[in-house]
Amino acid sequence: MKFAVSIYKNKELETLIDSIDCAVLMVPHCSYVYDESFDVESAIKLCESKGVEVIIAINRVFLERELPALEEAINKYKDYKLLLSDVGAVQIAKEIGVASNIIYDPDTLICNKMELGLYNSYGFDAVAMSNEITLDAVIESYKETNAPGFYQVFGRKLMFYSKRKLVDIYKQYSGYEFGKENLSLVEYMRDYHTPMFYNDEGFFVYRQYILSLLKHMNELSFLKYAYIETLTIDAEIALKVVNIFKNTANLEESQQKLDELELNIEDGFTYKDTAYIKEKTV
């Protein structure tokens, strides 16, 4: 198992570089959420100098008019592993001849062993199942298909993604003016804040809690990549999290150290399927 960790800034990478196996580099204008100042080329050089595997995240959805830029990006980084979510990006990578470099993570698309088996048959480097089905179903599916797994074991999960300029529209009609940093959303009839981000490529809302599968890491030892998402987490805390997850020899001790960080961790869909409850009417 390799620990693949999301990287959004060069300083984050410098902090984490000696503890990670793979760096998932969030490329500006190619990834969901990114930092405009991130120097990807410098990050790649640092990874290569330290023997850390590079995974290039080109995981946003692309419009038809953006396909030439998408093809250019895939060609530019084709010698590295490519984290892709858009089926169009997958097709372009296959046509270029780098299907074996694809890590296919379509977020919530792959939800059972039949779907996993289908995408595994394409010869990708790894395939990711949804975190919104039970962990038992995930483990069963990977073991029955022998698919190489890329699976998120820690961090926030994307809950909503739209290409529409929803924040700009809200600002226009509300008359409010604000920047892009530290934004959150409170839904009607809920009392918690969910982190949200917007950029030139869309509007993104992440779950209000952090997912952790630390106690199940021995059960997940068959994974090719265990993905740690660092979004909204300070680099020093992320470093502690990575080192905690790497200590699978004593999970009880590791869990205690994770608890001491006092992060907002919840089970999410780890143990129960999605339940649709009709809203009560007065």
C-alpha atoms as a PDB file:
ATOM      1  CA  MET A   1       0.000   0.000   0.000  1.00  0.00           C
ATOM      2  CA  LYS A   2       1.203   3.483  -0.901  1.00  0.00           C
ATOM      3  CA  PHE A   3       0.010   6.602   0.895  1.00  0.00           C
ATOM      4  CA  ALA A   4      -1.032   9.205  -1.673  1.00  0.00           C
ATOM      5  CA  VAL A   5      -1.466  12.689  -0.220  1.00  0.00           C
ATOM      6  CA  SER A   6      -3.073  15.721  -1.840  1.00  0.00           C
ATOM      7  CA  ILE A   7      -0.765  18.701  -2.330  1.00  0.00           C
ATOM      8  CA  TYR A   8      -2.089  22.213  -2.997  1.00  0.00           C
ATOM      9  CA  LYS A   9       0.936  24.394  -2.222  1.00  0.00           C
ATOM     10  CA  ASN A  10       4.704  24.103  -2.511  1.00  0.00           C
ATOM     11  CA  LYS A  11       5.146  24.774   1.217  1.00  0.00           C
ATOM     12  CA  GLU A  12       2.797  21.878   1.998  1.00  0.00           C
ATOM     13  CA  LEU A  13       4.892  19.556  -0.112  1.00  0.00           C
ATOM     14  CA  GLU A  14       8.104  20.693   1.590  1.00  0.00           C
ATOM     15  CA  THR A  15       6.522  19.859   4.961  1.00  0.00           C
ATOM     16  CA  LEU A  16       5.195  16.445   3.902  1.00  0.00           C
ATOM     17  CA  ILE A  17       7.800  15.239   1.400  1.00  0.00           C
ATOM     18  CA  ASP A  18       9.739  12.932   3.741  1.00  0.00           C
ATOM     19  CA  SER A  19       6.627  11.111   4.995  1.00  0.00           C
ATOM     20  CA  ILE A  20       4.602  10.402   1.851  1.00  0.00           C
ATOM     21  CA  ASP A  21       4.858   7.766  -0.865  1.00  0.00           C
ATOM     22  CA  CYS A  22       2.935   9.650  -3.553  1.00  0.00           C
ATOM     23  CA  ALA A  23       2.117  13.333  -4.017  1.00  0.00           C
ATOM     24  CA  VAL A  24      -1.218  14.087  -5.685  1.00  0.00           C
ATOM     25  CA  LEU A  25      -0.447  17.471  -7.237  1.00  0.00           C
ATOM     26  CA  MET A  26      -3.495  19.740  -7.606  1.00  0.00           C
ATOM     27  CA  VAL A  27      -2.720  21.469 -10.902  1.00  0.00           C
ATOM     28  CA  PRO A  28      -4.175  24.982 -11.351  1.00  0.00           C
ATOM     29  CA  HIS A  29      -7.161  24.954 -13.735  1.00  0.00           C
ATOM     30  CA  CYS A  30      -7.014  21.160 -14.036  1.00  0.00           C
ATOM     31  CA  SER A  31      -8.041  20.095 -10.523  1.00  0.00           C
ATOM     32  CA  TYR A  32     -11.247  20.735  -8.604  1.00  0.00           C
ATOM     33  CA  VAL A  33      -9.741  23.051  -6.011  1.00  0.00           C
ATOM     34  CA  TYR A  34      -6.306  24.568  -6.478  1.00  0.00           C
ATOM     35  CA  ASP A  35      -3.974  27.392  -5.513  1.00  0.00           C
ATOM     36  CA  GLU A  36      -3.034  29.709  -8.369  1.00  0.00           C
ATOM     37  CA  SER A  37       0.470  30.157  -6.967  1.00  0.00           C
ATOM     38  CA  PHE A  38       1.270  26.419  -6.945  1.00  0.00           C
ATOM     39  CA  ASP A  39       4.444  25.782  -8.974  1.00  0.00           C
ATOM     40  CA  VAL A  40       3.796  22.281 -10.291  1.00  0.00           C
ATOM     41  CA  GLU A  41       7.127  21.942 -12.107  1.00  0.00           C
ATOM     42  CA  SER A  42       9.090  22.722  -8.932  1.00  0.00           C
ATOM     43  CA  ALA A  43       6.907  20.269  -7.031  1.00  0.00           C
ATOM     44  CA  ILE A  44       7.644  17.525  -9.559  1.00  0.00           C
ATOM     45  CA  LYS A  45      11.391  18.167  -9.295  1.00  0.00           C
ATOM     46  CA  LEU A  46      11.270  17.959  -5.505  1.00  0.00           C
ATOM     47  CA  CYS A  47       9.291  14.706  -5.637  1.00  0.00           C
ATOM     48  CA  GLU A  48      11.722  13.147  -8.085  1.00  0.00           C
ATOM     49  CA  SER A  49      14.718  14.201  -5.984  1.00  0.00           C
ATOM     50  CA  LYS A  50      13.158  12.507  -2.950  1.00  0.00           C
ATOM     51  CA  GLY A  51      11.882   9.381  -4.694  1.00  0.00           C
ATOM     52  CA  VAL A  52       8.225  10.330  -4.173  1.00  0.00           C
ATOM     53  CA  GLU A  53       5.832   9.163  -6.895  1.00  0.00           C
ATOM     54  CA  VAL A  54       4.046  11.952  -8.764  1.00  0.00           C
ATOM     55  CA  ILE A  55       0.303  11.767  -9.404  1.00  0.00           C
ATOM     56  CA  ILE A  56      -1.090  14.619 -11.495  1.00  0.00           C
ATOM     57  CA  ALA A  57      -4.691  15.537 -10.645  1.00  0.00           C
ATOM     58  CA  ILE A  58      -6.622  16.449 -13.789  1.00  0.00           C
ATOM     59  CA  ASN A  59      -9.890  15.603 -12.108  1.00  0.00           C
ATOM     60  CA  ARG A  60     -12.360  18.348 -12.907  1.00  0.00           C
ATOM     61  CA  VAL A  61     -15.109  18.148 -15.529  1.00  0.00           C
ATOM     62  CA  PHE A  62     -14.231  19.636 -18.911  1.00  0.00           C
ATOM     63  CA  LEU A  63     -16.558  21.251 -21.423  1.00  0.00           C
ATOM     64  CA  GLU A  64     -16.312  20.444 -25.130  1.00  0.00           C
ATOM     65  CA  ARG A  65     -14.617  23.763 -25.884  1.00  0.00           C
ATOM     66  CA  GLU A  66     -11.980  22.906 -23.249  1.00  0.00           C
ATOM     67  CA  LEU A  67     -10.944  19.595 -24.802  1.00  0.00           C
ATOM     68  CA  PRO A  68      -7.887  20.992 -26.656  1.00  0.00           C
ATOM     69  CA  ALA A  69      -6.536  22.366 -23.357  1.00  0.00           C
ATOM     70  CA  LEU A  70      -7.330  19.042 -21.678  1.00  0.00           C
ATOM     71  CA  GLU A  71      -5.423  17.098 -24.334  1.00  0.00           C
ATOM     72  CA  GLU A  72      -2.497  19.503 -23.988  1.00  0.00           C
ATOM     73  CA  ALA A  73      -2.418  18.954 -20.208  1.00  0.00           C
ATOM     74  CA  ILE A  74      -2.541  15.159 -20.527  1.00  0.00           C
ATOM     75  CA  ASN A  75       0.242  15.195 -23.105  1.00  0.00           C
ATOM     76  CA  LYS A  76       2.321  17.437 -20.861  1.00  0.00           C
ATOM     77  CA  TYR A  77       2.064  15.079 -17.891  1.00  0.00           C
ATOM     78  CA  LYS A  78       1.579  11.754 -19.667  1.00  0.00           C
ATOM     79  CA  ASP A  79       4.736  10.235 -18.172  1.00  0.00           C
ATOM     80  CA  TYR A  80       3.253  10.470 -14.671  1.00  0.00           C
ATOM     81  CA  LYS A  81       0.255   8.828 -13.058  1.00  0.00           C
ATOM     82  CA  LEU A  82      -2.907  10.770 -13.940  1.00  0.00           C
ATOM     83  CA  LEU A  83      -5.806  11.117 -11.505  1.00  0.00           C
ATOM     84  CA  LEU A  84      -8.824  11.522 -13.799  1.00  0.00           C
ATOM     85  CA  SER A  85     -12.554  11.844 -13.109  1.00  0.00           C
ATOM     86  CA  ASP A  86     -14.001  13.015 -16.431  1.00  0.00           C
ATOM     87  CA  VAL A  87     -14.714  10.156 -18.855  1.00  0.00           C
ATOM     88  CA  GLY A  88     -13.635  12.456 -21.698  1.00  0.00           C
ATOM     89  CA  ALA A  89     -10.240  12.861 -20.058  1.00  0.00           C
ATOM     90  CA  VAL A  90     -10.003   9.085 -19.741  1.00  0.00           C
ATOM     91  CA  GLN A  91     -10.768   8.639 -23.445  1.00  0.00           C
ATOM     92  CA  ILE A  92      -8.126  11.186 -24.474  1.00  0.00           C
ATOM     93  CA  ALA A  93      -5.528   9.520 -22.263  1.00  0.00           C
ATOM     94  CA  LYS A  94      -6.401   6.138 -23.791  1.00  0.00           C
ATOM     95  CA  GLU A  95      -6.038   7.554 -27.313  1.00  0.00           C
ATOM     96  CA  ILE A  96      -2.658   9.027 -26.401  1.00  0.00           C
ATOM     97  CA  GLY A  97      -1.640   5.545 -25.246  1.00  0.00           C
ATOM     98  CA  VAL A  98      -1.264   6.038 -21.502  1.00  0.00           C
ATOM     99  CA  ALA A  99      -4.232   4.041 -20.173  1.00  0.00           C
ATOM    100  CA  SER A 100      -1.881   2.217 -17.800  1.00  0.00           C
ATOM    101  CA  ASN A 101      -1.079   5.545 -16.103  1.00  0.00           C
ATOM    102  CA  ILE A 102      -4.719   6.373 -15.335  1.00  0.00           C
ATOM    103  CA  ILE A 103      -6.047   6.376 -11.793  1.00  0.00           C
ATOM    104  CA  TYR A 104      -9.778   6.624 -12.445  1.00  0.00           C
ATOM    105  CA  ASP A 105     -11.734   8.275  -9.652  1.00  0.00           C
ATOM    106  CA  PRO A 106     -15.212   9.354 -10.803  1.00  0.00           C
ATOM    107  CA  ASP A 107     -16.238  10.180  -7.212  1.00  0.00           C
ATOM    108  CA  THR A 108     -19.655   8.565  -6.688  1.00  0.00           C
ATOM    109  CA  LEU A 109     -19.978   6.619  -9.956  1.00  0.00           C
ATOM    110  CA  ILE A 110     -18.516   3.211  -9.070  1.00  0.00           C
ATOM    111  CA  CYS A 111     -20.786   1.720  -6.405  1.00  0.00           C
ATOM    112  CA  ASN A 112     -20.718  -2.058  -6.876  1.00  0.00           C
ATOM    113  CA  LYS A 113     -18.461  -4.905  -7.941  1.00  0.00           C
ATOM    114  CA  MET A 114     -19.913  -5.102 -11.465  1.00  0.00           C
ATOM    115  CA  GLU A 115     -19.054  -1.470 -12.185  1.00  0.00           C
ATOM    116  CA  LEU A 116     -15.654  -1.906 -10.579  1.00  0.00           C
ATOM    117  CA  GLY A 117     -14.960  -4.989 -12.672  1.00  0.00           C
ATOM    118  CA  LEU A 118     -15.944  -3.163 -15.864  1.00  0.00           C
ATOM    119  CA  TYR A 119     -13.595  -0.225 -15.316  1.00  0.00           C
ATOM    120  CA  ASN A 120     -10.839  -2.511 -14.090  1.00  0.00           C
ATOM    121  CA  SER A 121     -10.998  -4.342 -17.434  1.00  0.00           C
ATOM    122  CA  TYR A 122      -9.682  -1.217 -19.195  1.00  0.00           C
ATOM    123  CA  GLY A 123      -6.196  -1.737 -17.780  1.00  0.00           C
ATOM    124  CA  PHE A 124      -5.977   1.386 -15.621  1.00  0.00           C
ATOM    125  CA  ASP A 125      -3.302   1.744 -12.948  1.00  0.00           C
ATOM    126  CA  ALA A 126      -6.015   1.938 -10.278  1.00  0.00           C
ATOM    127  CA  VAL A 127      -9.752   2.449  -9.898  1.00  0.00           C
ATOM    128  CA  ALA A 128     -11.568   4.288  -7.093  1.00  0.00           C
ATOM    129  CA  MET A 129     -14.894   3.274  -5.612  1.00  0.00           C
ATOM    130  CA  SER A 130     -17.372   5.672  -4.031  1.00  0.00           C
ATOM    131  CA  ASN A 131     -17.019   6.542  -0.344  1.00  0.00           C
ATOM    132  CA  GLU A 132     -20.818   6.761  -0.186  1.00  0.00           C
ATOM    133  CA  ILE A 133     -21.383   3.031   0.018  1.00  0.00           C
ATOM    134  CA  THR A 134     -20.597   0.882   3.020  1.00  0.00           C
ATOM    135  CA  LEU A 135     -17.010  -0.141   3.666  1.00  0.00           C
ATOM    136  CA  ASP A 136     -18.015  -3.812   3.732  1.00  0.00           C
ATOM    137  CA  ALA A 137     -19.333  -3.474   0.158  1.00  0.00           C
ATOM    138  CA  VAL A 138     -16.132  -1.730  -0.919  1.00  0.00           C
ATOM    139  CA  ILE A 139     -13.887  -4.420   0.549  1.00  0.00           C
ATOM    140  CA  GLU A 140     -15.988  -7.207  -0.978  1.00  0.00           C
ATOM    141  CA  SER A 141     -15.929  -5.553  -4.417  1.00  0.00           C
ATOM    142  CA  TYR A 142     -12.166  -5.052  -4.488  1.00  0.00           C
ATOM    143  CA  LYS A 143     -11.450  -8.563  -3.283  1.00  0.00           C
ATOM    144  CA  GLU A 144     -13.818 -10.206  -5.773  1.00  0.00           C
ATOM    145  CA  THR A 145     -12.513  -8.248  -8.771  1.00  0.00           C
ATOM    146  CA  ASN A 146      -8.840  -8.006  -7.750  1.00  0.00           C
ATOM    147  CA  ALA A 147      -8.968  -4.422  -9.006  1.00  0.00           C
ATOM    148  CA  PRO A 148      -6.044  -2.209  -7.950  1.00  0.00           C
ATOM    149  CA  GLY A 149      -7.627   0.234  -5.526  1.00  0.00           C
ATOM    150  CA  PHE A 150      -7.310   3.973  -5.032  1.00  0.00           C
ATOM    151  CA  TYR A 151      -9.479   4.800  -2.046  1.00  0.00           C
ATOM    152  CA  GLN A 152      -9.840   7.785   0.250  1.00  0.00           C
ATOM    153  CA  VAL A 153      -9.078   6.858   3.853  1.00  0.00           C
ATOM    154  CA  PHE A 154      -8.965  10.344   5.361  1.00  0.00           C
ATOM    155  CA  GLY A 155     -10.159  13.886   4.742  1.00  0.00           C
ATOM    156  CA  ARG A 156     -13.101  15.832   3.442  1.00  0.00           C
ATOM    157  CA  LYS A 157     -15.280  14.465   0.652  1.00  0.00           C
ATOM    158  CA  LEU A 158     -16.678  16.475  -2.232  1.00  0.00           C
ATOM    159  CA  MET A 159     -20.455  16.795  -1.783  1.00  0.00           C
ATOM    160  CA  PHE A 160     -21.506  19.146  -4.583  1.00  0.00           C
ATOM    161  CA  TYR A 161     -19.863  20.379  -7.771  1.00  0.00           C
ATOM    162  CA  SER A 162     -21.287  22.683 -10.400  1.00  0.00           C
ATOM    163  CA  LYS A 163     -19.770  24.343 -13.442  1.00  0.00           C
ATOM    164  CA  ARG A 164     -22.243  27.207 -12.967  1.00  0.00           C
ATOM    165  CA  LYS A 165     -20.987  30.507 -11.551  1.00  0.00           C
ATOM    166  CA  LEU A 166     -23.299  30.212  -8.556  1.00  0.00           C
ATOM    167  CA  VAL A 167     -21.254  32.381  -6.203  1.00  0.00           C
ATOM    168  CA  ASP A 168     -20.926  35.195  -8.738  1.00  0.00           C
ATOM    169  CA  ILE A 169     -24.675  35.024  -9.377  1.00  0.00           C
ATOM    170  CA  TYR A 170     -25.366  35.194  -5.646  1.00  0.00           C
ATOM    171  CA  LYS A 171     -23.057  38.186  -5.252  1.00  0.00           C
ATOM    172  CA  GLN A 172     -24.719  39.933  -8.170  1.00  0.00           C
ATOM    173  CA  TYR A 173     -28.279  39.563  -6.889  1.00  0.00           C
ATOM    174  CA  SER A 174     -27.603  39.859  -3.147  1.00  0.00           C
ATOM    175  CA  GLY A 175     -25.418  42.933  -3.368  1.00  0.00           C
ATOM    176  CA  TYR A 176     -22.844  41.349  -1.047  1.00  0.00           C
ATOM    177  CA  GLU A 177     -19.158  41.537  -1.906  1.00  0.00           C
ATOM    178  CA  PHE A 178     -16.596  39.091  -0.531  1.00  0.00           C
ATOM    179  CA  GLY A 179     -13.435  37.274  -1.533  1.00  0.00           C
ATOM    180  CA  LYS A 180     -12.716  33.602  -2.206  1.00  0.00           C
ATOM    181  CA  GLU A 181     -11.023  32.622   1.046  1.00  0.00           C
ATOM    182  CA  ASN A 182     -12.530  30.753   4.019  1.00  0.00           C
ATOM    183  CA  LEU A 183     -16.033  30.480   2.600  1.00  0.00           C
ATOM    184  CA  SER A 184     -18.714  28.186   3.998  1.00  0.00           C
ATOM    185  CA  LEU A 185     -22.348  27.426   3.361  1.00  0.00           C
ATOM    186  CA  VAL A 186     -25.202  26.833   5.812  1.00  0.00           C
ATOM    187  CA  GLU A 187     -28.136  24.900   4.407  1.00  0.00           C
ATOM    188  CA  TYR A 188     -31.732  25.682   5.293  1.00  0.00           C
ATOM    189  CA  MET A 189     -32.790  23.828   8.489  1.00  0.00           C
ATOM    190  CA  ARG A 190     -29.186  22.810   9.291  1.00  0.00           C
ATOM    191  CA  ASP A 191     -26.898  24.399  11.859  1.00  0.00           C
ATOM    192  CA  TYR A 192     -23.441  23.410  10.587  1.00  0.00           C
ATOM    193  CA  HIS A 193     -21.140  25.040   8.059  1.00  0.00           C
ATOM    194  CA  THR A 194     -19.869  23.189   4.997  1.00  0.00           C
ATOM    195  CA  PRO A 195     -16.635  24.427   3.364  1.00  0.00           C
ATOM    196  CA  MET A 196     -17.086  25.781  -0.138  1.00  0.00           C
ATOM    197  CA  PHE A 197     -14.712  26.913  -2.851  1.00  0.00           C
ATOM    198  CA  TYR A 198     -15.136  28.590  -6.191  1.00  0.00           C
ATOM    199  CA  ASN A 199     -12.767  29.339  -9.028  1.00  0.00           C
ATOM    200  CA  ASP A 200     -12.770  29.777 -12.797  1.00  0.00           C
ATOM    201  CA  GLU A 201     -13.768  26.136 -13.267  1.00  0.00           C
ATOM    202  CA  GLY A 202     -16.712  25.853 -10.910  1.00  0.00           C
ATOM    203  CA  PHE A 203     -18.272  25.821  -7.466  1.00  0.00           C
ATOM    204  CA  PHE A 204     -17.452  23.109  -4.931  1.00  0.00           C
ATOM    205  CA  VAL A 205     -18.973  22.172  -1.576  1.00  0.00           C
ATOM    206  CA  TYR A 206     -17.288  19.639   0.728  1.00  0.00           C
ATOM    207  CA  ARG A 207     -18.808  17.731   3.624  1.00  0.00           C
ATOM    208  CA  GLN A 208     -18.724  19.413   7.006  1.00  0.00           C
ATOM    209  CA  TYR A 209     -16.876  16.510   8.591  1.00  0.00           C
ATOM    210  CA  ILE A 210     -13.630  14.633   8.017  1.00  0.00           C
ATOM    211  CA  LEU A 211     -13.733  10.956   7.095  1.00  0.00           C
ATOM    212  CA  SER A 212     -11.275   8.616   8.793  1.00  0.00           C
ATOM    213  CA  LEU A 213     -10.832   4.905   8.143  1.00  0.00           C
ATOM    214  CA  LEU A 214      -7.810   4.567  10.427  1.00  0.00           C
ATOM    215  CA  LYS A 215      -9.274   1.708  12.468  1.00  0.00           C
ATOM    216  CA  HIS A 216      -9.802  -0.279   9.241  1.00  0.00           C
ATOM    217  CA  MET A 217      -6.354   0.161   7.680  1.00  0.00           C
ATOM    218  CA  ASN A 218      -5.349  -3.465   8.200  1.00  0.00           C
ATOM    219  CA  GLU A 219      -8.536  -4.581   6.457  1.00  0.00           C
ATOM    220  CA  LEU A 220      -7.668  -2.228   3.592  1.00  0.00           C
ATOM    221  CA  SER A 221      -4.069  -3.415   3.232  1.00  0.00           C
ATOM    222  CA  PHE A 222      -4.888  -4.733  -0.267  1.00  0.00           C
ATOM    223  CA  LEU A 223      -5.275  -1.177  -1.623  1.00  0.00           C
ATOM    224  CA  LYS A 224      -2.680   0.044  -4.085  1.00  0.00           C
ATOM    225  CA  TYR A 225      -3.154   3.657  -2.948  1.00  0.00           C
ATOM    226  CA  ALA A 226      -4.596   4.907   0.347  1.00  0.00           C
ATOM    227  CA  TYR A 227      -5.575   8.512  -0.342  1.00  0.00           C
ATOM    228  CA  ILE A 228      -5.276  11.213   2.320  1.00  0.00           C
ATOM    229  CA  GLU A 229      -7.089  14.454   1.440  1.00  0.00           C
ATOM    230  CA  THR A 230      -5.528  17.481   3.179  1.00  0.00           C
ATOM    231  CA  LEU A 231      -8.003  20.164   2.090  1.00  0.00           C
ATOM    232  CA  THR A 232      -8.725  22.658   4.939  1.00  0.00           C
ATOM    233  CA  ILE A 233      -6.055  21.000   7.116  1.00  0.00           C
ATOM    234  CA  ASP A 234      -2.863  22.788   8.138  1.00  0.00           C
ATOM    235  CA  ALA A 235       0.310  21.199   6.717  1.00  0.00           C
ATOM    236  CA  GLU A 236       1.736  20.433  10.173  1.00  0.00           C
ATOM    237  CA  ILE A 237      -1.485  18.669  11.184  1.00  0.00           C
ATOM    238  CA  ALA A 238      -1.513  16.841   7.832  1.00  0.00           C
ATOM    239  CA  LEU A 239       2.021  15.614   8.555  1.00  0.00           C
ATOM    240  CA  LYS A 240       0.889  14.219  11.900  1.00  0.00           C
ATOM    241  CA  VAL A 241      -2.077  12.527  10.217  1.00  0.00           C
ATOM    242  CA  VAL A 242       0.127  10.870   7.583  1.00  0.00           C
ATOM    243  CA  ASN A 243       2.543   9.538  10.206  1.00  0.00           C
ATOM    244  CA  ILE A 244      -0.379   8.280  12.314  1.00  0.00           C
ATOM    245  CA  PHE A 245      -1.851   6.389   9.360  1.00  0.00           C
ATOM    246  CA  LYS A 246       1.496   4.832   8.533  1.00  0.00           C
ATOM    247  CA  ASN A 247       1.642   3.223  11.974  1.00  0.00           C
ATOM    248  CA  THR A 248      -0.666   0.287  11.289  1.00  0.00           C
ATOM    249  CA  ALA A 249       1.222  -2.007  13.678  1.00  0.00           C
ATOM    250  CA  ASN A 250      -0.596  -0.467  16.644  1.00  0.00           C
ATOM    251  CA  LEU A 251      -3.917   0.947  15.499  1.00  0.00           C
ATOM    252  CA  GLU A 252      -5.161   1.536  19.035  1.00  0.00           C
ATOM    253  CA  GLU A 253      -2.212   3.822  19.736  1.00  0.00           C
ATOM    254  CA  SER A 254      -2.605   5.503  16.353  1.00  0.00           C
ATOM    255  CA  GLN A 255      -6.304   6.125  16.968  1.00  0.00           C
ATOM    256  CA  GLN A 256      -5.506   7.739  20.301  1.00  0.00           C
ATOM    257  CA  LYS A 257      -3.022  10.093  18.638  1.00  0.00           C
ATOM    258  CA  LEU A 258      -5.578  10.969  15.955  1.00  0.00           C
ATOM    259  CA  ASP A 259      -8.219  11.686  18.606  1.00  0.00           C
ATOM    260  CA  GLU A 260      -5.801  14.065  20.306  1.00  0.00           C
ATOM    261  CA  LEU A 261      -5.798  16.257  17.190  1.00  0.00           C
ATOM    262  CA  GLU A 262      -9.485  17.024  17.909  1.00  0.00           C
ATOM    263  CA  LEU A 263     -10.562  16.996  14.276  1.00  0.00           C
ATOM    264  CA  ASN A 264     -14.224  16.885  13.305  1.00  0.00           C
ATOM    265  CA  ILE A 265     -14.327  13.206  12.322  1.00  0.00           C
ATOM    266  CA  GLU A 266     -17.538  11.352  11.490  1.00  0.00           C
ATOM    267  CA  ASP A 267     -18.336   7.946   9.982  1.00  0.00           C
ATOM    268  CA  GLY A 268     -20.324   9.253   7.012  1.00  0.00           C
ATOM    269  CA  PHE A 269     -21.480   6.297   4.920  1.00  0.00           C
ATOM    270  CA  THR A 270     -18.848   3.879   6.242  1.00  0.00           C
ATOM    271  CA  TYR A 271     -21.354   1.650   8.021  1.00  0.00           C
ATOM    272  CA  LYS A 272     -24.740   2.531   6.566  1.00  0.00           C
ATOM    273  CA  ASP A 273     -26.221   3.015   3.115  1.00  0.00           C
ATOM    274  CA  THR A 274     -27.650   6.320   1.958  1.00  0.00           C
ATOM    275  CA  ALA A 275     -31.123   6.872   3.394  1.00  0.00           C
ATOM    276  CA  TYR A 276     -33.636   9.143   1.724  1.00  0.00           C
ATOM    277  CA  ILE A 277     -36.096  10.561   4.264  1.00  0.00           C
ATOM    278  CA  LYS A 278     -39.024  12.585   3.057  1.00  0.00           C
ATOM    279  CA  GLU A 279     -39.138  16.013   4.662  1.00  0.00           C
ATOM    280  CA  LYS A 280     -42.038  16.426   7.073  1.00  0.00           C
ATOM    281  CA  THR A 281     -44.676  18.977   6.205  1.00  0.00           C
ATOM    282  CA  VAL A 282     -46.359  21.149   8.775  1.00  0.00           C
END
